[in-house]
C-alpha atoms as a PDB file:
ATOM      1  CA  UNK A   1      10.144 -24.269   6.423  1.00  0.00           C
ATOM      2  CA  UNK A   2       6.777 -22.636   5.758  1.00  0.00           C
ATOM      3  CA  UNK A   3       6.189 -21.192   2.314  1.00  0.00           C
ATOM      4  CA  UNK A   4       3.313 -19.999   0.157  1.00  0.00           C
ATOM      5  CA  UNK A   5       3.081 -21.734  -3.209  1.00  0.00           C
ATOM      6  CA  UNK A   6       1.076 -21.188  -6.385  1.00  0.00           C
ATOM      7  CA  UNK A   7      -0.604 -24.508  -7.140  1.00  0.00           C
ATOM      8  CA  UNK A   8      -2.630 -23.560 -10.229  1.00  0.00           C
ATOM      9  CA  UNK A   9      -3.224 -20.568 -12.490  1.00  0.00           C
ATOM     10  CA  UNK A  10      -6.548 -19.669 -10.919  1.00  0.00           C
ATOM     11  CA  UNK A  11      -5.696 -16.366  -9.302  1.00  0.00           C
ATOM     12  CA  UNK A  12      -4.743 -15.514  -5.701  1.00  0.00           C
ATOM     13  CA  UNK A  13      -7.090 -18.239  -4.421  1.00  0.00           C
ATOM     14  CA  UNK A  14      -4.583 -20.778  -5.753  1.00  0.00           C
ATOM     15  CA  UNK A  15      -2.029 -19.791  -3.087  1.00  0.00           C
ATOM     16  CA  UNK A  16      -1.447 -22.465  -0.440  1.00  0.00           C
ATOM     17  CA  UNK A  17       0.724 -22.706   2.680  1.00  0.00           C
ATOM     18  CA  UNK A  18       3.092 -25.663   2.477  1.00  0.00           C
ATOM     19  CA  UNK A  19       6.035 -27.132   4.353  1.00  0.00           C
ATOM     20  CA  UNK A  20       9.035 -27.392   2.030  1.00  0.00           C
ATOM     21  CA  UNK A  21      12.770 -27.997   2.367  1.00  0.00           C
ATOM     22  CA  UNK A  22      14.920 -25.075   3.400  1.00  0.00           C
ATOM     23  CA  UNK A  23      17.277 -23.812   0.691  1.00  0.00           C
ATOM     24  CA  UNK A  24      21.055 -23.926   1.079  1.00  0.00           C
ATOM     25  CA  UNK A  25      23.599 -21.516  -0.329  1.00  0.00           C
ATOM     26  CA  UNK A  26      25.296 -22.646  -3.522  1.00  0.00           C
ATOM     27  CA  UNK A  27      28.698 -21.132  -4.358  1.00  0.00           C
ATOM     28  CA  UNK A  28      28.300 -17.365  -4.680  1.00  0.00           C
ATOM     29  CA  UNK A  29      24.929 -17.340  -2.900  1.00  0.00           C
ATOM     30  CA  UNK A  30      23.567 -16.411   0.512  1.00  0.00           C
ATOM     31  CA  UNK A  31      20.494 -17.641   2.342  1.00  0.00           C
ATOM     32  CA  UNK A  32      18.282 -14.968   3.835  1.00  0.00           C
ATOM     33  CA  UNK A  33      15.853 -15.459   6.681  1.00  0.00           C
ATOM     34  CA  UNK A  34      12.989 -13.444   5.233  1.00  0.00           C
ATOM     35  CA  UNK A  35      11.471 -10.897   7.587  1.00  0.00           C
ATOM     36  CA  UNK A  36       9.204  -9.138   5.076  1.00  0.00           C
ATOM     37  CA  UNK A  37       8.251  -9.613   1.449  1.00  0.00           C
ATOM     38  CA  UNK A  38       6.296  -7.108  -0.608  1.00  0.00           C
ATOM     39  CA  UNK A  39       3.180  -8.019  -2.580  1.00  0.00           C
ATOM     40  CA  UNK A  40       3.357  -6.914  -6.200  1.00  0.00           C
ATOM     41  CA  UNK A  41       1.226  -7.103  -9.379  1.00  0.00           C
ATOM     42  CA  UNK A  42       3.949  -9.336 -10.849  1.00  0.00           C
ATOM     43  CA  UNK A  43       3.159 -11.886  -8.126  1.00  0.00           C
ATOM     44  CA  UNK A  44      -0.529 -11.690  -8.967  1.00  0.00           C
ATOM     45  CA  UNK A  45       0.218 -12.136 -12.672  1.00  0.00           C
ATOM     46  CA  UNK A  46       1.993 -15.374 -11.831  1.00  0.00           C
ATOM     47  CA  UNK A  47      -1.125 -16.724 -10.122  1.00  0.00           C
ATOM     48  CA  UNK A  48      -3.338 -15.875 -13.108  1.00  0.00           C
ATOM     49  CA  UNK A  49      -1.194 -17.740 -15.619  1.00  0.00           C
ATOM     50  CA  UNK A  50       0.440 -14.882 -17.473  1.00  0.00           C
ATOM     51  CA  UNK A  51       3.518 -17.106 -17.788  1.00  0.00           C
ATOM     52  CA  UNK A  52       2.185 -20.578 -18.491  1.00  0.00           C
ATOM     53  CA  UNK A  53       5.701 -22.016 -18.588  1.00  0.00           C
ATOM     54  CA  UNK A  54       6.205 -21.262 -14.874  1.00  0.00           C
ATOM     55  CA  UNK A  55       6.804 -24.595 -13.080  1.00  0.00           C
ATOM     56  CA  UNK A  56       4.252 -25.385 -10.376  1.00  0.00           C
ATOM     57  CA  UNK A  57       4.148 -25.432  -7.435  1.00  0.00           C
ATOM     58  CA  UNK A  58       6.009 -22.128  -7.295  1.00  0.00           C
ATOM     59  CA  UNK A  59       6.960 -19.696  -4.504  1.00  0.00           C
ATOM     60  CA  UNK A  60       6.516 -16.065  -5.685  1.00  0.00           C
ATOM     61  CA  UNK A  61       7.920 -12.890  -4.138  1.00  0.00           C
ATOM     62  CA  UNK A  62      10.695 -10.543  -5.258  1.00  0.00           C
ATOM     63  CA  UNK A  63      10.620  -7.724  -2.656  1.00  0.00           C
ATOM     64  CA  UNK A  64      12.714  -9.212   0.135  1.00  0.00           C
ATOM     65  CA  UNK A  65      14.274  -7.868   3.315  1.00  0.00           C
ATOM     66  CA  UNK A  66      15.761 -10.040   6.025  1.00  0.00           C
ATOM     67  CA  UNK A  67      18.912 -11.352   7.677  1.00  0.00           C
ATOM     68  CA  UNK A  68      21.726 -13.472   6.233  1.00  0.00           C
ATOM     69  CA  UNK A  69      21.885 -16.918   7.855  1.00  0.00           C
ATOM     70  CA  UNK A  70      24.216 -18.797   5.476  1.00  0.00           C
ATOM     71  CA  UNK A  71      27.100 -17.873   3.170  1.00  0.00           C
ATOM     72  CA  UNK A  72      28.038 -19.947   0.140  1.00  0.00           C
ATOM     73  CA  UNK A  73      31.637 -20.626  -0.785  1.00  0.00           C
ATOM     74  CA  UNK A  74      33.407 -17.718  -2.412  1.00  0.00           C
ATOM     75  CA  UNK A  75      31.228 -15.062  -0.768  1.00  0.00           C
ATOM     76  CA  UNK A  76      33.053 -12.121   0.782  1.00  0.00           C
ATOM     77  CA  UNK A  77      32.061  -8.749   2.174  1.00  0.00           C
ATOM     78  CA  UNK A  78      28.931 -10.096   3.862  1.00  0.00           C
ATOM     79  CA  UNK A  79      28.419 -11.782   7.228  1.00  0.00           C
ATOM     80  CA  UNK A  80      25.927 -14.032   8.969  1.00  0.00           C
ATOM     81  CA  UNK A  81      23.430 -11.992  10.965  1.00  0.00           C
ATOM     82  CA  UNK A  82      23.695  -8.991   8.611  1.00  0.00           C
ATOM     83  CA  UNK A  83      20.395  -7.286   7.673  1.00  0.00           C
ATOM     84  CA  UNK A  84      20.042  -6.860   3.906  1.00  0.00           C
ATOM     85  CA  UNK A  85      17.643  -5.876   1.163  1.00  0.00           C
ATOM     86  CA  UNK A  86      17.522  -7.965  -2.006  1.00  0.00           C
ATOM     87  CA  UNK A  87      18.145  -6.229  -5.337  1.00  0.00           C
ATOM     88  CA  UNK A  88      15.430  -7.987  -7.299  1.00  0.00           C
ATOM     89  CA  UNK A  89      16.885  -8.107 -10.836  1.00  0.00           C
ATOM     90  CA  UNK A  90      19.182 -11.022 -11.710  1.00  0.00           C
ATOM     91  CA  UNK A  91      22.268  -9.982 -13.696  1.00  0.00           C
ATOM     92  CA  UNK A  92      25.461 -11.514 -15.070  1.00  0.00           C
ATOM     93  CA  UNK A  93      28.003  -8.926 -13.853  1.00  0.00           C
ATOM     94  CA  UNK A  94      30.082  -9.354 -17.034  1.00  0.00           C
ATOM     95  CA  UNK A  95      28.251  -7.684 -19.931  1.00  0.00           C
ATOM     96  CA  UNK A  96      28.791  -4.059 -20.961  1.00  0.00           C
ATOM     97  CA  UNK A  97      25.634  -2.876 -19.166  1.00  0.00           C
ATOM     98  CA  UNK A  98      26.667  -4.523 -15.891  1.00  0.00           C
ATOM     99  CA  UNK A  99      30.199  -3.168 -16.147  1.00  0.00           C
ATOM    100  CA  UNK A 100      28.690   0.328 -16.521  1.00  0.00           C
ATOM    101  CA  UNK A 101      26.622  -0.188 -13.341  1.00  0.00           C
ATOM    102  CA  UNK A 102      23.376  -0.573 -15.289  1.00  0.00           C
ATOM    103  CA  UNK A 103      22.671  -4.115 -14.120  1.00  0.00           C
ATOM    104  CA  UNK A 104      18.925  -3.602 -14.654  1.00  0.00           C
ATOM    105  CA  UNK A 105      19.762  -3.652 -18.401  1.00  0.00           C
ATOM    106  CA  UNK A 106      21.891  -6.821 -18.225  1.00  0.00           C
ATOM    107  CA  UNK A 107      22.320  -8.670 -21.518  1.00  0.00           C
ATOM    108  CA  UNK A 108      21.463 -11.909 -19.690  1.00  0.00           C
ATOM    109  CA  UNK A 109      17.907 -10.543 -19.351  1.00  0.00           C
ATOM    110  CA  UNK A 110      16.085 -10.871 -22.683  1.00  0.00           C
ATOM    111  CA  UNK A 111      13.709  -8.024 -21.693  1.00  0.00           C
ATOM    112  CA  UNK A 112      11.088  -9.908 -23.640  1.00  0.00           C
ATOM    113  CA  UNK A 113       7.376  -9.281 -23.433  1.00  0.00           C
ATOM    114  CA  UNK A 114       7.166 -12.509 -21.432  1.00  0.00           C
ATOM    115  CA  UNK A 115       9.107 -11.737 -18.263  1.00  0.00           C
ATOM    116  CA  UNK A 116      12.286 -10.241 -16.843  1.00  0.00           C
ATOM    117  CA  UNK A 117      14.750 -12.427 -14.954  1.00  0.00           C
ATOM    118  CA  UNK A 118      14.242 -11.613 -11.302  1.00  0.00           C
ATOM    119  CA  UNK A 119      14.111 -13.119  -7.841  1.00  0.00           C
ATOM    120  CA  UNK A 120      10.841 -15.031  -7.681  1.00  0.00           C
ATOM    121  CA  UNK A 121      10.573 -15.411 -11.466  1.00  0.00           C
ATOM    122  CA  UNK A 122      11.287 -18.010 -12.659  1.00  0.00           C
ATOM    123  CA  UNK A 123      13.055 -19.326  -9.519  1.00  0.00           C
ATOM    124  CA  UNK A 124      11.404 -19.467  -6.104  1.00  0.00           C
ATOM    125  CA  UNK A 125      11.056 -16.190  -4.233  1.00  0.00           C
ATOM    126  CA  UNK A 126      10.383 -14.619  -0.869  1.00  0.00           C
ATOM    127  CA  UNK A 127       6.923 -15.846   0.161  1.00  0.00           C
ATOM    128  CA  UNK A 128       8.846 -18.222   2.411  1.00  0.00           C
ATOM    129  CA  UNK A 129      10.783 -18.248   5.666  1.00  0.00           C
ATOM    130  CA  UNK A 130      14.097 -18.618   3.836  1.00  0.00           C
ATOM    131  CA  UNK A 131      15.314 -17.846   0.324  1.00  0.00           C
ATOM    132  CA  UNK A 132      18.645 -18.320  -1.467  1.00  0.00           C
ATOM    133  CA  UNK A 133      19.792 -15.430  -3.674  1.00  0.00           C
ATOM    134  CA  UNK A 134      23.046 -14.441  -5.404  1.00  0.00           C
ATOM    135  CA  UNK A 135      25.331 -12.752  -2.897  1.00  0.00           C
ATOM    136  CA  UNK A 136      25.764  -9.833  -5.302  1.00  0.00           C
ATOM    137  CA  UNK A 137      22.045  -9.077  -4.859  1.00  0.00           C
ATOM    138  CA  UNK A 138      22.278  -8.767  -1.062  1.00  0.00           C
ATOM    139  CA  UNK A 139      22.592  -5.065  -0.228  1.00  0.00           C
ATOM    140  CA  UNK A 140      23.527  -4.268   3.408  1.00  0.00           C
ATOM    141  CA  UNK A 141      21.196  -1.811   5.117  1.00  0.00           C
ATOM    142  CA  UNK A 142      22.266   1.581   6.456  1.00  0.00           C
ATOM    143  CA  UNK A 143      22.652   1.604  10.242  1.00  0.00           C
ATOM    144  CA  UNK A 144      19.341   1.698  12.086  1.00  0.00           C
ATOM    145  CA  UNK A 145      17.137   1.150   9.043  1.00  0.00           C
ATOM    146  CA  UNK A 146      14.053  -0.976   9.620  1.00  0.00           C
ATOM    147  CA  UNK A 147      13.442  -4.133   7.625  1.00  0.00           C
ATOM    148  CA  UNK A 148       9.933  -2.927   6.756  1.00  0.00           C
ATOM    149  CA  UNK A 149      11.322   0.206   5.113  1.00  0.00           C
ATOM    150  CA  UNK A 150      13.942  -1.875   3.320  1.00  0.00           C
ATOM    151  CA  UNK A 151      11.267  -4.223   1.967  1.00  0.00           C
ATOM    152  CA  UNK A 152       9.294  -1.352   0.458  1.00  0.00           C
ATOM    153  CA  UNK A 153      12.448   0.068  -1.139  1.00  0.00           C
ATOM    154  CA  UNK A 154      13.476  -3.134  -2.922  1.00  0.00           C
ATOM    155  CA  UNK A 155      11.076  -2.835  -5.853  1.00  0.00           C
ATOM    156  CA  UNK A 156       8.770   0.193  -5.657  1.00  0.00           C
ATOM    157  CA  UNK A 157      11.487   2.469  -4.302  1.00  0.00           C
ATOM    158  CA  UNK A 158      14.180   1.395  -6.732  1.00  0.00           C
ATOM    159  CA  UNK A 159      11.802   1.390  -9.724  1.00  0.00           C
ATOM    160  CA  UNK A 160      10.635   4.923  -8.932  1.00  0.00           C
ATOM    161  CA  UNK A 161      14.201   6.171  -8.434  1.00  0.00           C
ATOM    162  CA  UNK A 162      15.356   4.664 -11.728  1.00  0.00           C
ATOM    163  CA  UNK A 163      12.374   6.043 -13.646  1.00  0.00           C
ATOM    164  CA  UNK A 164      13.087   9.561 -12.410  1.00  0.00           C
ATOM    165  CA  UNK A 165      16.709   9.119 -13.468  1.00  0.00           C
ATOM    166  CA  UNK A 166      15.498   8.034 -16.912  1.00  0.00           C
ATOM    167  CA  UNK A 167      13.273  11.133 -17.030  1.00  0.00           C
ATOM    168  CA  UNK A 168      16.300  13.418 -16.563  1.00  0.00           C
ATOM    169  CA  UNK A 169      14.170  15.413 -14.147  1.00  0.00           C
ATOM    170  CA  UNK A 170      15.470  18.916 -13.422  1.00  0.00           C
ATOM    171  CA  UNK A 171      14.746  21.443 -10.686  1.00  0.00           C
ATOM    172  CA  UNK A 172      11.819  23.694 -11.577  1.00  0.00           C
ATOM    173  CA  UNK A 173      10.168  21.286 -14.007  1.00  0.00           C
ATOM    174  CA  UNK A 174       6.472  20.394 -13.873  1.00  0.00           C
ATOM    175  CA  UNK A 175       5.675  16.713 -13.260  1.00  0.00           C
ATOM    176  CA  UNK A 176       2.469  14.679 -13.521  1.00  0.00           C
ATOM    177  CA  UNK A 177       2.276  11.428 -11.532  1.00  0.00           C
ATOM    178  CA  UNK A 178      -0.362   8.889 -12.584  1.00  0.00           C
ATOM    179  CA  UNK A 179      -1.507   6.044 -10.310  1.00  0.00           C
ATOM    180  CA  UNK A 180      -0.556   8.373  -7.484  1.00  0.00           C
ATOM    181  CA  UNK A 181      -1.823   6.358  -4.504  1.00  0.00           C
ATOM    182  CA  UNK A 182       0.033   3.125  -5.323  1.00  0.00           C
ATOM    183  CA  UNK A 183       3.397   2.057  -3.978  1.00  0.00           C
ATOM    184  CA  UNK A 184       5.183   3.586  -6.965  1.00  0.00           C
ATOM    185  CA  UNK A 185       3.072   6.725  -7.084  1.00  0.00           C
ATOM    186  CA  UNK A 186       3.749   7.674  -3.470  1.00  0.00           C
ATOM    187  CA  UNK A 187       7.487   7.410  -4.154  1.00  0.00           C
ATOM    188  CA  UNK A 188       7.254   9.348  -7.440  1.00  0.00           C
ATOM    189  CA  UNK A 189       5.615  12.295  -5.690  1.00  0.00           C
ATOM    190  CA  UNK A 190       8.194  12.470  -2.906  1.00  0.00           C
ATOM    191  CA  UNK A 191      11.221  11.982  -5.124  1.00  0.00           C
ATOM    192  CA  UNK A 192      10.089  14.558  -7.696  1.00  0.00           C
ATOM    193  CA  UNK A 193       9.280  17.053  -4.948  1.00  0.00           C
ATOM    194  CA  UNK A 194      12.678  16.485  -3.327  1.00  0.00           C
ATOM    195  CA  UNK A 195      14.328  17.280  -6.654  1.00  0.00           C
ATOM    196  CA  UNK A 196      12.609  20.651  -6.829  1.00  0.00           C
ATOM    197  CA  UNK A 197       9.777  19.834  -9.247  1.00  0.00           C
ATOM    198  CA  UNK A 198       6.210  21.098  -9.123  1.00  0.00           C
ATOM    199  CA  UNK A 199       4.161  17.907  -8.783  1.00  0.00           C
ATOM    200  CA  UNK A 200       0.619  17.219  -9.982  1.00  0.00           C
ATOM    201  CA  UNK A 201      -0.986  13.921  -8.931  1.00  0.00           C
ATOM    202  CA  UNK A 202      -3.710  11.984 -10.751  1.00  0.00           C
ATOM    203  CA  UNK A 203      -5.871   9.529  -8.816  1.00  0.00           C
ATOM    204  CA  UNK A 204      -9.255   7.850  -8.831  1.00  0.00           C
ATOM    205  CA  UNK A 205      -9.533   8.157  -5.044  1.00  0.00           C
ATOM    206  CA  UNK A 206     -10.925  11.554  -3.958  1.00  0.00           C
ATOM    207  CA  UNK A 207     -10.604  10.601  -0.287  1.00  0.00           C
ATOM    208  CA  UNK A 208      -6.787  10.479  -0.715  1.00  0.00           C
ATOM    209  CA  UNK A 209      -6.318  14.060  -1.904  1.00  0.00           C
ATOM    210  CA  UNK A 210      -5.074  15.269   1.486  1.00  0.00           C
ATOM    211  CA  UNK A 211      -2.511  12.470   1.803  1.00  0.00           C
ATOM    212  CA  UNK A 212      -1.146  13.141  -1.664  1.00  0.00           C
ATOM    213  CA  UNK A 213      -0.707  16.809  -0.819  1.00  0.00           C
ATOM    214  CA  UNK A 214       1.182  15.818   2.333  1.00  0.00           C
ATOM    215  CA  UNK A 215       3.640  13.852   0.190  1.00  0.00           C
ATOM    216  CA  UNK A 216       4.381  16.889  -1.962  1.00  0.00           C
ATOM    217  CA  UNK A 217       1.677  17.158  -4.625  1.00  0.00           C
ATOM    218  CA  UNK A 218       0.789  20.782  -5.306  1.00  0.00           C
ATOM    219  CA  UNK A 219      -2.467  19.864  -7.051  1.00  0.00           C
ATOM    220  CA  UNK A 220      -4.464  16.632  -7.224  1.00  0.00           C
ATOM    221  CA  UNK A 221      -6.706  15.830 -10.192  1.00  0.00           C
ATOM    222  CA  UNK A 222      -9.405  13.236  -9.511  1.00  0.00           C
ATOM    223  CA  UNK A 223     -10.430  10.834 -12.248  1.00  0.00           C
ATOM    224  CA  UNK A 224     -14.081  11.269 -13.201  1.00  0.00           C
ATOM    225  CA  UNK A 225     -14.329  14.744 -11.705  1.00  0.00           C
ATOM    226  CA  UNK A 226     -12.094  16.640 -14.132  1.00  0.00           C
ATOM    227  CA  UNK A 227     -10.664  16.164 -17.606  1.00  0.00           C
ATOM    228  CA  UNK A 228      -6.975  15.497 -16.976  1.00  0.00           C
ATOM    229  CA  UNK A 229      -5.368  17.238 -20.000  1.00  0.00           C
ATOM    230  CA  UNK A 230      -7.706  20.248 -19.679  1.00  0.00           C
ATOM    231  CA  UNK A 231      -6.920  20.645 -15.994  1.00  0.00           C
ATOM    232  CA  UNK A 232      -3.169  20.278 -16.548  1.00  0.00           C
ATOM    233  CA  UNK A 233      -3.211  22.944 -19.248  1.00  0.00           C
ATOM    234  CA  UNK A 234      -5.192  25.211 -16.925  1.00  0.00           C
ATOM    235  CA  UNK A 235      -2.718  24.707 -14.070  1.00  0.00           C
ATOM    236  CA  UNK A 236       0.300  25.339 -16.318  1.00  0.00           C
ATOM    237  CA  UNK A 237      -1.025  28.391 -18.195  1.00  0.00           C
ATOM    238  CA  UNK A 238      -1.492  26.341 -21.340  1.00  0.00           C
ATOM    239  CA  UNK A 239       2.012  24.891 -21.433  1.00  0.00           C
ATOM    240  CA  UNK A 240       1.609  21.350 -20.091  1.00  0.00           C
ATOM    241  CA  UNK A 241       3.997  19.364 -17.916  1.00  0.00           C
ATOM    242  CA  UNK A 242       7.623  18.636 -18.709  1.00  0.00           C
ATOM    243  CA  UNK A 243       7.485  15.058 -17.439  1.00  0.00           C
ATOM    244  CA  UNK A 244       4.834  12.391 -16.884  1.00  0.00           C
ATOM    245  CA  UNK A 245       5.824   9.565 -14.518  1.00  0.00           C
ATOM    246  CA  UNK A 246       3.527   6.651 -15.339  1.00  0.00           C
ATOM    247  CA  UNK A 247       3.188   3.136 -13.957  1.00  0.00           C
ATOM    248  CA  UNK A 248      -0.058   2.207 -15.739  1.00  0.00           C
ATOM    249  CA  UNK A 249       0.815   2.053 -19.455  1.00  0.00           C
ATOM    250  CA  UNK A 250      -1.808   0.951 -21.962  1.00  0.00           C
ATOM    251  CA  UNK A 251      -4.917   3.109 -21.973  1.00  0.00           C
ATOM    252  CA  UNK A 252      -3.213   5.818 -19.894  1.00  0.00           C
ATOM    253  CA  UNK A 253      -0.607   6.674 -22.533  1.00  0.00           C
ATOM    254  CA  UNK A 254      -2.684   8.801 -24.993  1.00  0.00           C
ATOM    255  CA  UNK A 255      -4.124  10.871 -22.139  1.00  0.00           C
ATOM    256  CA  UNK A 256      -0.696  11.346 -20.583  1.00  0.00           C
ATOM    257  CA  UNK A 257       0.793  12.452 -23.911  1.00  0.00           C
ATOM    258  CA  UNK A 258      -1.884  15.136 -24.201  1.00  0.00           C
ATOM    259  CA  UNK A 259      -0.580  16.640 -20.942  1.00  0.00           C
ATOM    260  CA  UNK A 260       2.992  17.171 -22.176  1.00  0.00           C
ATOM    261  CA  UNK A 261       4.609  20.489 -22.953  1.00  0.00           C
ATOM    262  CA  UNK A 262       6.973  20.951 -25.885  1.00  0.00           C
ATOM    263  CA  UNK A 263      10.033  18.708 -25.481  1.00  0.00           C
ATOM    264  CA  UNK A 264       8.139  16.805 -22.790  1.00  0.00           C
ATOM    265  CA  UNK A 265       9.029  13.283 -21.677  1.00  0.00           C
ATOM    266  CA  UNK A 266       6.587  10.508 -20.820  1.00  0.00           C
ATOM    267  CA  UNK A 267       8.342   7.778 -18.853  1.00  0.00           C
ATOM    268  CA  UNK A 268       6.513   4.538 -18.039  1.00  0.00           C
ATOM    269  CA  UNK A 269       7.398   1.340 -16.212  1.00  0.00           C
ATOM    270  CA  UNK A 270       4.241  -0.758 -16.289  1.00  0.00           C
ATOM    271  CA  UNK A 271       1.382  -2.122 -18.351  1.00  0.00           C
ATOM    272  CA  UNK A 272      -1.315  -2.482 -15.696  1.00  0.00           C
ATOM    273  CA  UNK A 273      -3.940  -1.021 -18.051  1.00  0.00           C
ATOM    274  CA  UNK A 274      -2.719  -2.986 -21.045  1.00  0.00           C
ATOM    275  CA  UNK A 275       0.367  -3.680 -23.150  1.00  0.00           C
ATOM    276  CA  UNK A 276      -0.882  -1.974 -26.317  1.00  0.00           C
ATOM    277  CA  UNK A 277      -2.303   1.418 -27.171  1.00  0.00           C
ATOM    278  CA  UNK A 278      -2.996   3.662 -30.156  1.00  0.00           C
ATOM    279  CA  UNK A 279      -1.299   7.047 -30.268  1.00  0.00           C
ATOM    280  CA  UNK A 280      -1.092  10.013 -32.623  1.00  0.00           C
ATOM    281  CA  UNK A 281       2.489  10.362 -33.862  1.00  0.00           C
ATOM    282  CA  UNK A 282       2.145  13.950 -35.070  1.00  0.00           C
ATOM    283  CA  UNK A 283       2.914  15.607 -31.701  1.00  0.00           C
ATOM    284  CA  UNK A 284       6.108  13.606 -31.364  1.00  0.00           C
ATOM    285  CA  UNK A 285       7.810  15.565 -34.102  1.00  0.00           C
ATOM    286  CA  UNK A 286       5.883  18.835 -33.889  1.00  0.00           C
ATOM    287  CA  UNK A 287       6.458  19.131 -30.127  1.00  0.00           C
ATOM    288  CA  UNK A 288       9.616  16.953 -30.013  1.00  0.00           C
ATOM    289  CA  UNK A 289       8.155  14.619 -27.410  1.00  0.00           C
ATOM    290  CA  UNK A 290       9.839  11.539 -25.960  1.00  0.00           C
ATOM    291  CA  UNK A 291       8.319   8.221 -24.873  1.00  0.00           C
ATOM    292  CA  UNK A 292      10.793   6.479 -22.559  1.00  0.00           C
ATOM    293  CA  UNK A 293      10.604   2.981 -21.129  1.00  0.00           C
ATOM    294  CA  UNK A 294      12.021   2.214 -17.699  1.00  0.00           C
ATOM    295  CA  UNK A 295      12.465  -1.141 -16.018  1.00  0.00           C
ATOM    296  CA  UNK A 296      13.353  -1.882 -12.421  1.00  0.00           C
ATOM    297  CA  UNK A 297      16.589  -0.366 -11.198  1.00  0.00           C
ATOM    298  CA  UNK A 298      20.213  -1.172 -10.489  1.00  0.00           C
ATOM    299  CA  UNK A 299      21.917  -2.085  -7.220  1.00  0.00           C
ATOM    300  CA  UNK A 300      23.293   1.453  -7.189  1.00  0.00           C
ATOM    301  CA  UNK A 301      19.736   2.813  -7.448  1.00  0.00           C
ATOM    302  CA  UNK A 302      18.667   0.608  -4.537  1.00  0.00           C
ATOM    303  CA  UNK A 303      21.542   1.809  -2.365  1.00  0.00           C
ATOM    304  CA  UNK A 304      20.593   5.428  -3.078  1.00  0.00           C
ATOM    305  CA  UNK A 305      16.963   4.782  -2.157  1.00  0.00           C
ATOM    306  CA  UNK A 306      17.951   3.019   1.068  1.00  0.00           C
ATOM    307  CA  UNK A 307      20.174   5.953   1.999  1.00  0.00           C
ATOM    308  CA  UNK A 308      17.420   8.486   1.211  1.00  0.00           C
ATOM    309  CA  UNK A 309      14.951   6.625   3.426  1.00  0.00           C
ATOM    310  CA  UNK A 310      17.516   6.197   6.206  1.00  0.00           C
ATOM    311  CA  UNK A 311      18.168   9.964   6.154  1.00  0.00           C
ATOM    312  CA  UNK A 312      14.395  10.711   6.272  1.00  0.00           C
ATOM    313  CA  UNK A 313      14.485  12.404   2.876  1.00  0.00           C
ATOM    314  CA  UNK A 314      11.614  10.198   1.732  1.00  0.00           C
ATOM    315  CA  UNK A 315       9.246   7.965   3.657  1.00  0.00           C
ATOM    316  CA  UNK A 316       7.664   4.591   2.955  1.00  0.00           C
ATOM    317  CA  UNK A 317       3.897   4.211   2.905  1.00  0.00           C
ATOM    318  CA  UNK A 318       2.654   0.813   4.077  1.00  0.00           C
ATOM    319  CA  UNK A 319      -1.084   0.328   3.664  1.00  0.00           C
ATOM    320  CA  UNK A 320      -1.483  -3.143   5.174  1.00  0.00           C
ATOM    321  CA  UNK A 321       0.745  -5.816   6.692  1.00  0.00           C
ATOM    322  CA  UNK A 322      -0.384  -9.453   6.574  1.00  0.00           C
ATOM    323  CA  UNK A 323       0.945 -12.753   7.869  1.00  0.00           C
ATOM    324  CA  UNK A 324       2.282 -15.410   5.518  1.00  0.00           C
ATOM    325  CA  UNK A 325      -0.900 -17.447   5.877  1.00  0.00           C
ATOM    326  CA  UNK A 326      -2.873 -14.408   4.653  1.00  0.00           C
ATOM    327  CA  UNK A 327      -1.000 -14.150   1.336  1.00  0.00           C
ATOM    328  CA  UNK A 328      -4.137 -14.697  -0.746  1.00  0.00           C
ATOM    329  CA  UNK A 329      -5.985 -11.901   1.060  1.00  0.00           C
ATOM    330  CA  UNK A 330      -2.938  -9.652   0.761  1.00  0.00           C
ATOM    331  CA  UNK A 331      -2.719 -10.199  -2.984  1.00  0.00           C
ATOM    332  CA  UNK A 332      -6.409  -9.490  -3.462  1.00  0.00           C
ATOM    333  CA  UNK A 333      -5.807  -6.211  -1.605  1.00  0.00           C
ATOM    334  CA  UNK A 334      -3.929  -4.889  -4.635  1.00  0.00           C
ATOM    335  CA  UNK A 335      -7.358  -4.106  -6.097  1.00  0.00           C
ATOM    336  CA  UNK A 336      -8.767  -2.514  -2.941  1.00  0.00           C
ATOM    337  CA  UNK A 337     -10.130   0.949  -3.714  1.00  0.00           C
ATOM    338  CA  UNK A 338      -8.982   2.238  -0.311  1.00  0.00           C
ATOM    339  CA  UNK A 339      -5.342   1.192  -0.737  1.00  0.00           C
ATOM    340  CA  UNK A 340      -2.746   3.913  -0.218  1.00  0.00           C
ATOM    341  CA  UNK A 341       0.809   2.649  -0.513  1.00  0.00           C
ATOM    342  CA  UNK A 342       2.349  -0.784  -0.129  1.00  0.00           C
ATOM    343  CA  UNK A 343       1.124  -4.206   0.977  1.00  0.00           C
ATOM    344  CA  UNK A 344       3.715  -6.419   2.696  1.00  0.00           C
ATOM    345  CA  UNK A 345       3.855  -9.884   4.202  1.00  0.00           C
ATOM    346  CA  UNK A 346       5.383 -10.347   7.665  1.00  0.00           C
ATOM    347  CA  UNK A 347       7.075 -13.716   7.470  1.00  0.00           C
ATOM    348  CA  UNK A 348       9.474 -14.357  10.342  1.00  0.00           C
END
């Protein structure tokens, strides 16, 4: 089969098309013919050597949608020819978190600063025509749902859904979304709006203001044109927002905290602007603020996102679609200043 492999830790340019053996389903696994695979900053981090222990050559890709072509022994409830989305987090199914339905918090995942356990890390992923995954991670699609929509839901959709659950978002609350034009940001805006929140979006792309309003943002603050905390306080009559939904981490955190109202919650799921930051602790007890981490999402979260998309409650936003042989270009597109939404690979 054709696959894209990382051959060295020299960035996206190290990606190469190769012909490799097709995988076969071990007991408890299925093989998926991959139709689409999303392109994610985690994939890019693999190419730049963030995890030096990763064996090379390696096939990245954790955002997979396709069709089952092989069932391993012991697999039930699935069938060959069935379209599925892959829940990207690997879990044991036996620990207390898994038994509670919180498989994103599985005890088998060390949740270290190095890497989560997920499809495509450390095992081979979906930048290939076929991939073997645990059968428990194969989530059947609602009737009539497209494989492109399913691909976008598998990581960005489920991560956004889970983060909003972690935020305990309530109807009538005020929400700030950072990184608003990315795959996560476009979901955050829609999901918060659907739950009855007033949504403010923060972006560095002034040309995208209209699109963000179409998704549900009441106001859009543009980086470099306005001071974010000052503008938020102005829009909220000096109160601030109840929730910040952040995917940037690092240098964004102090600014986001300054936007919070009393008893506000800042929820973050990424460290794109750095893994460390310096913050003033005083507001945490004077205003009773909360800083909440969120990681991925459960299979239950994924099923809810798939259903919401299938019922047209939220929409996917695909910026560009590339062929497998264009994986390097696709990955470099993550930094494109004109990007609005998701980048996906069309594989088979």
